[in-house]
N, C-alpha and C. Protein backbone atom coordinates (compact mmCIF):
# COMPACT_ATOMS: atom_id res chain seq x y z
N MET A 1 -39.76 -10.43 -86.17
CA MET A 1 -39.91 -11.03 -85.01
C MET A 1 -40.89 -10.69 -84.22
N ILE A 2 -41.11 -8.99 -84.30
CA ILE A 2 -42.17 -8.54 -82.99
C ILE A 2 -43.66 -9.09 -83.72
N ASN A 3 -43.51 -8.96 -85.15
CA ASN A 3 -44.55 -9.29 -85.34
C ASN A 3 -45.23 -10.99 -84.97
N PHE A 4 -43.86 -11.53 -84.86
CA PHE A 4 -44.51 -13.67 -84.43
C PHE A 4 -44.71 -13.26 -83.24
N LEU A 5 -43.99 -12.55 -82.17
CA LEU A 5 -44.36 -12.69 -81.06
C LEU A 5 -45.22 -12.02 -80.20
N ALA A 6 -45.97 -10.77 -81.29
CA ALA A 6 -47.25 -10.07 -81.24
C ALA A 6 -48.60 -11.31 -81.54
N TRP A 7 -48.19 -12.05 -82.52
CA TRP A 7 -49.06 -13.13 -83.10
C TRP A 7 -49.39 -13.84 -81.73
N VAL A 8 -48.03 -14.51 -81.33
CA VAL A 8 -47.96 -15.48 -79.97
C VAL A 8 -48.51 -15.29 -79.22
N ILE A 9 -48.82 -14.19 -79.04
CA ILE A 9 -49.34 -13.58 -77.53
C ILE A 9 -50.71 -13.11 -77.50
N TYR A 10 -51.17 -12.91 -79.17
CA TYR A 10 -52.68 -12.89 -79.46
C TYR A 10 -53.67 -14.17 -79.56
N GLN A 11 -52.63 -14.98 -79.87
CA GLN A 11 -53.04 -16.72 -79.78
C GLN A 11 -53.69 -16.91 -78.24
N LEU A 12 -52.07 -17.12 -77.78
CA LEU A 12 -52.59 -17.11 -75.68
C LEU A 12 -53.83 -16.69 -75.25
N ILE A 13 -53.86 -15.49 -75.32
CA ILE A 13 -55.30 -14.67 -75.05
C ILE A 13 -56.47 -15.19 -75.40
N ASP A 14 -56.58 -15.49 -76.88
CA ASP A 14 -57.37 -16.53 -77.30
C ASP A 14 -58.08 -18.01 -76.73
N ILE A 15 -56.55 -18.27 -76.21
CA ILE A 15 -56.77 -19.64 -75.92
C ILE A 15 -57.32 -19.42 -74.07
N TYR A 16 -56.73 -18.75 -73.44
CA TYR A 16 -57.21 -18.05 -72.42
C TYR A 16 -58.59 -18.05 -72.65
N ILE A 17 -59.25 -17.58 -73.51
CA ILE A 17 -60.36 -16.78 -73.35
C ILE A 17 -61.57 -18.05 -73.15
N LEU A 18 -60.85 -18.44 -74.13
CA LEU A 18 -61.93 -19.99 -74.66
C LEU A 18 -61.72 -20.72 -73.27
N VAL A 19 -60.92 -20.80 -72.08
CA VAL A 19 -60.37 -21.47 -71.01
C VAL A 19 -61.27 -20.87 -70.03
N ILE A 20 -61.47 -19.77 -70.46
CA ILE A 20 -62.71 -18.89 -69.10
C ILE A 20 -63.57 -19.51 -69.57
N VAL A 21 -64.45 -19.39 -71.03
CA VAL A 21 -65.72 -19.83 -71.03
C VAL A 21 -66.00 -21.39 -71.06
N ILE A 22 -64.53 -22.38 -70.80
CA ILE A 22 -65.50 -23.25 -70.23
C ILE A 22 -65.22 -23.60 -69.09
N TRP A 23 -64.55 -22.62 -68.08
CA TRP A 23 -64.92 -22.80 -66.75
C TRP A 23 -66.29 -22.25 -66.11
N CYS A 24 -66.92 -21.37 -66.97
CA CYS A 24 -68.04 -20.90 -67.24
C CYS A 24 -68.95 -21.74 -67.11
N LEU A 25 -68.78 -22.69 -68.21
CA LEU A 25 -69.72 -24.04 -68.51
C LEU A 25 -69.61 -25.21 -67.68
N LEU A 26 -67.98 -25.22 -66.91
CA LEU A 26 -68.32 -26.52 -66.13
C LEU A 26 -69.10 -26.12 -64.65
N SER A 27 -69.78 -24.46 -64.65
CA SER A 27 -70.37 -24.30 -62.74
C SER A 27 -71.91 -24.51 -63.30
N TRP A 28 -72.18 -25.20 -65.13
CA TRP A 28 -73.42 -25.53 -65.06
C TRP A 28 -73.75 -26.94 -64.53
N PHE A 29 -72.66 -27.69 -64.21
CA PHE A 29 -72.29 -29.01 -64.01
C PHE A 29 -72.23 -29.05 -63.31
N PRO A 30 -73.25 -30.37 -61.90
CA PRO A 30 -72.73 -30.66 -60.75
C PRO A 30 -71.75 -31.45 -60.65
N ASN A 31 -70.65 -30.92 -59.82
CA ASN A 31 -69.08 -32.23 -59.34
C ASN A 31 -68.53 -31.67 -60.70
N ALA A 32 -68.62 -31.31 -61.63
CA ALA A 32 -68.05 -31.14 -62.99
C ALA A 32 -66.41 -30.17 -62.45
N ARG A 33 -66.09 -29.39 -61.40
CA ARG A 33 -65.09 -28.73 -61.12
C ARG A 33 -64.50 -29.57 -60.26
N GLY A 34 -65.04 -30.28 -59.74
CA GLY A 34 -64.23 -31.53 -58.67
C GLY A 34 -63.35 -32.01 -59.76
N SER A 35 -63.62 -32.82 -61.02
CA SER A 35 -63.31 -33.27 -61.99
C SER A 35 -61.91 -32.71 -62.18
N ARG A 36 -61.14 -34.19 -63.15
CA ARG A 36 -59.53 -33.66 -63.16
C ARG A 36 -59.22 -32.15 -64.20
N LEU A 37 -60.48 -32.35 -65.27
CA LEU A 37 -60.38 -31.51 -66.09
C LEU A 37 -60.63 -29.73 -65.12
N GLY A 38 -61.81 -29.95 -64.46
CA GLY A 38 -62.23 -29.37 -63.60
C GLY A 38 -61.22 -28.69 -62.76
N GLU A 39 -60.44 -29.31 -62.32
CA GLU A 39 -59.55 -29.11 -61.34
C GLU A 39 -58.34 -28.12 -61.70
N ILE A 40 -57.78 -28.93 -63.41
CA ILE A 40 -56.87 -27.72 -64.39
C ILE A 40 -57.70 -26.55 -65.04
N VAL A 41 -58.54 -26.21 -65.10
CA VAL A 41 -58.99 -25.22 -65.42
C VAL A 41 -59.11 -24.18 -64.41
N ASN A 42 -59.74 -25.00 -63.26
CA ASN A 42 -59.68 -24.10 -61.81
C ASN A 42 -58.52 -23.01 -61.78
N ARG A 43 -57.13 -24.16 -61.72
CA ARG A 43 -55.95 -23.11 -61.49
C ARG A 43 -55.61 -22.75 -62.32
N LEU A 44 -56.03 -22.77 -63.82
CA LEU A 44 -55.51 -21.68 -64.74
C LEU A 44 -56.26 -20.53 -64.55
N VAL A 45 -57.76 -20.42 -64.15
CA VAL A 45 -58.79 -19.07 -64.58
C VAL A 45 -58.59 -18.70 -63.06
N GLU A 46 -59.19 -19.36 -61.84
CA GLU A 46 -59.40 -18.99 -60.72
C GLU A 46 -58.34 -17.70 -60.13
N PRO A 47 -56.93 -18.07 -60.40
CA PRO A 47 -56.32 -16.68 -60.07
C PRO A 47 -56.85 -14.93 -61.06
N TYR A 48 -56.90 -15.11 -62.45
CA TYR A 48 -57.12 -13.88 -63.20
C TYR A 48 -58.98 -13.54 -62.90
N MET A 49 -59.59 -14.50 -62.31
CA MET A 49 -60.98 -14.31 -61.99
C MET A 49 -61.18 -13.33 -61.21
N ARG A 50 -59.64 -13.52 -59.75
CA ARG A 50 -59.39 -12.91 -58.56
C ARG A 50 -59.92 -11.35 -58.77
N TRP A 51 -59.47 -10.77 -59.47
CA TRP A 51 -59.11 -9.51 -59.85
C TRP A 51 -60.05 -8.50 -59.46
N PHE A 52 -61.07 -9.67 -60.42
CA PHE A 52 -62.68 -9.41 -60.59
C PHE A 52 -63.94 -9.49 -59.42
N ASP A 53 -63.28 -9.94 -58.33
CA ASP A 53 -63.89 -10.18 -57.52
C ASP A 53 -65.48 -8.66 -56.74
N PHE A 54 -64.50 -8.06 -57.33
CA PHE A 54 -65.23 -6.86 -56.47
C PHE A 54 -67.03 -6.61 -57.53
N ILE A 55 -67.07 -7.35 -58.85
CA ILE A 55 -67.95 -6.96 -59.03
C ILE A 55 -69.49 -7.70 -58.55
N PRO A 56 -70.68 -7.40 -58.24
CA PRO A 56 -71.09 -8.00 -57.33
C PRO A 56 -72.31 -9.24 -58.78
N PRO A 57 -72.79 -10.26 -58.10
CA PRO A 57 -73.45 -10.76 -58.81
C PRO A 57 -74.88 -10.30 -58.71
N LEU A 58 -75.46 -10.02 -59.91
CA LEU A 58 -77.12 -9.75 -59.94
C LEU A 58 -77.70 -10.94 -60.22
N GLY A 59 -79.00 -10.81 -59.34
CA GLY A 59 -79.85 -11.83 -59.50
C GLY A 59 -79.14 -13.69 -59.82
N GLY A 60 -78.32 -13.74 -59.01
CA GLY A 60 -77.44 -15.25 -58.87
C GLY A 60 -76.72 -15.36 -59.91
N ILE A 61 -76.31 -14.47 -60.98
CA ILE A 61 -75.46 -14.16 -62.27
C ILE A 61 -74.35 -13.60 -61.81
N SER A 62 -73.34 -14.10 -62.07
CA SER A 62 -72.07 -13.42 -62.19
C SER A 62 -71.52 -12.64 -63.40
N PHE A 63 -71.14 -11.06 -63.43
CA PHE A 63 -70.62 -11.07 -64.54
C PHE A 63 -68.94 -10.53 -64.47
N SER A 64 -68.73 -11.09 -63.78
CA SER A 64 -67.01 -11.11 -63.35
C SER A 64 -66.35 -11.56 -64.96
N PRO A 65 -66.70 -13.11 -65.15
CA PRO A 65 -65.76 -13.81 -66.68
C PRO A 65 -66.69 -12.05 -67.60
N ILE A 66 -67.70 -12.25 -67.98
CA ILE A 66 -67.98 -11.15 -69.19
C ILE A 66 -66.74 -9.57 -68.84
N VAL A 67 -66.48 -9.48 -67.45
CA VAL A 67 -65.14 -8.32 -67.81
C VAL A 67 -63.88 -8.65 -67.79
N ALA A 68 -63.93 -9.63 -67.32
CA ALA A 68 -62.36 -10.38 -67.59
C ALA A 68 -62.07 -10.90 -68.99
N ILE A 69 -63.44 -11.34 -69.61
CA ILE A 69 -62.93 -11.39 -71.46
C ILE A 69 -62.75 -10.54 -72.14
N PHE A 70 -63.64 -9.20 -71.55
CA PHE A 70 -63.69 -7.56 -72.13
C PHE A 70 -61.94 -7.36 -72.10
N VAL A 71 -61.65 -7.17 -70.61
CA VAL A 71 -60.26 -6.53 -70.44
C VAL A 71 -59.36 -7.77 -71.59
N LEU A 72 -59.67 -8.78 -71.31
CA LEU A 72 -58.58 -9.67 -72.42
C LEU A 72 -58.52 -9.13 -74.16
N TYR A 73 -59.71 -8.69 -74.07
CA TYR A 73 -60.15 -8.32 -75.25
C TYR A 73 -59.29 -6.86 -75.90
N LEU A 74 -59.43 -6.19 -74.74
CA LEU A 74 -58.59 -4.78 -74.85
C LEU A 74 -57.27 -4.94 -74.72
N VAL A 75 -56.57 -5.84 -73.91
CA VAL A 75 -55.16 -5.75 -74.72
C VAL A 75 -54.76 -6.65 -75.57
N GLN A 76 -55.60 -7.50 -75.96
CA GLN A 76 -55.42 -7.91 -77.53
C GLN A 76 -55.62 -6.51 -78.47
N TYR A 77 -56.88 -5.68 -78.73
CA TYR A 77 -56.68 -4.36 -79.61
C TYR A 77 -55.54 -3.69 -78.82
N GLY A 78 -54.81 -3.42 -77.75
CA GLY A 78 -53.52 -2.69 -77.47
C GLY A 78 -52.59 -3.20 -78.29
N LEU A 79 -52.35 -4.24 -77.82
CA LEU A 79 -51.31 -5.27 -78.81
C LEU A 79 -51.60 -4.95 -80.05
N LYS A 80 -52.27 -5.52 -80.60
CA LYS A 80 -52.79 -5.11 -82.15
C LYS A 80 -51.97 -3.43 -82.26
N ALA A 81 -52.83 -2.64 -81.92
CA ALA A 81 -52.22 -1.27 -82.04
C ALA A 81 -50.49 -0.63 -81.99
N ILE A 82 -50.18 -1.42 -81.15
CA ILE A 82 -48.92 -1.29 -80.54
C ILE A 82 -47.98 -2.01 -82.33
N THR A 83 -48.05 -2.80 -82.72
CA THR A 83 -47.35 -3.73 -83.42
C THR A 83 -47.53 -3.27 -84.71
N MET A 84 -48.91 -2.37 -84.61
CA MET A 84 -48.82 -1.56 -85.95
C MET A 84 -48.56 -0.28 -85.87
N MET A 85 -47.94 0.59 -84.72
CA MET A 85 -47.46 0.90 -84.83
C MET A 85 -45.89 1.04 -84.89
N ILE A 86 -45.33 -0.26 -84.56
CA ILE A 86 -44.08 -0.55 -85.28
C ILE A 86 -43.73 -0.92 -86.70
């Protein structure tokens, strides 16, 4: 049961990482974030990305999504380590 729950959380984190990547790609197209899909993705990603606003953009490129995805990968590996110990 615990392994199944950990697997579900692991998969949800993978899906959320994909949503962050889509959010980043939408920024390349004009008015894409104003579309229905853009609004949904923005509502899902923006609260999490606010935690990483302290990272300044370098040369007009924001590295906040990279750090945010890295943190999610760390959570996944931590979850995997915990389930291996149980």
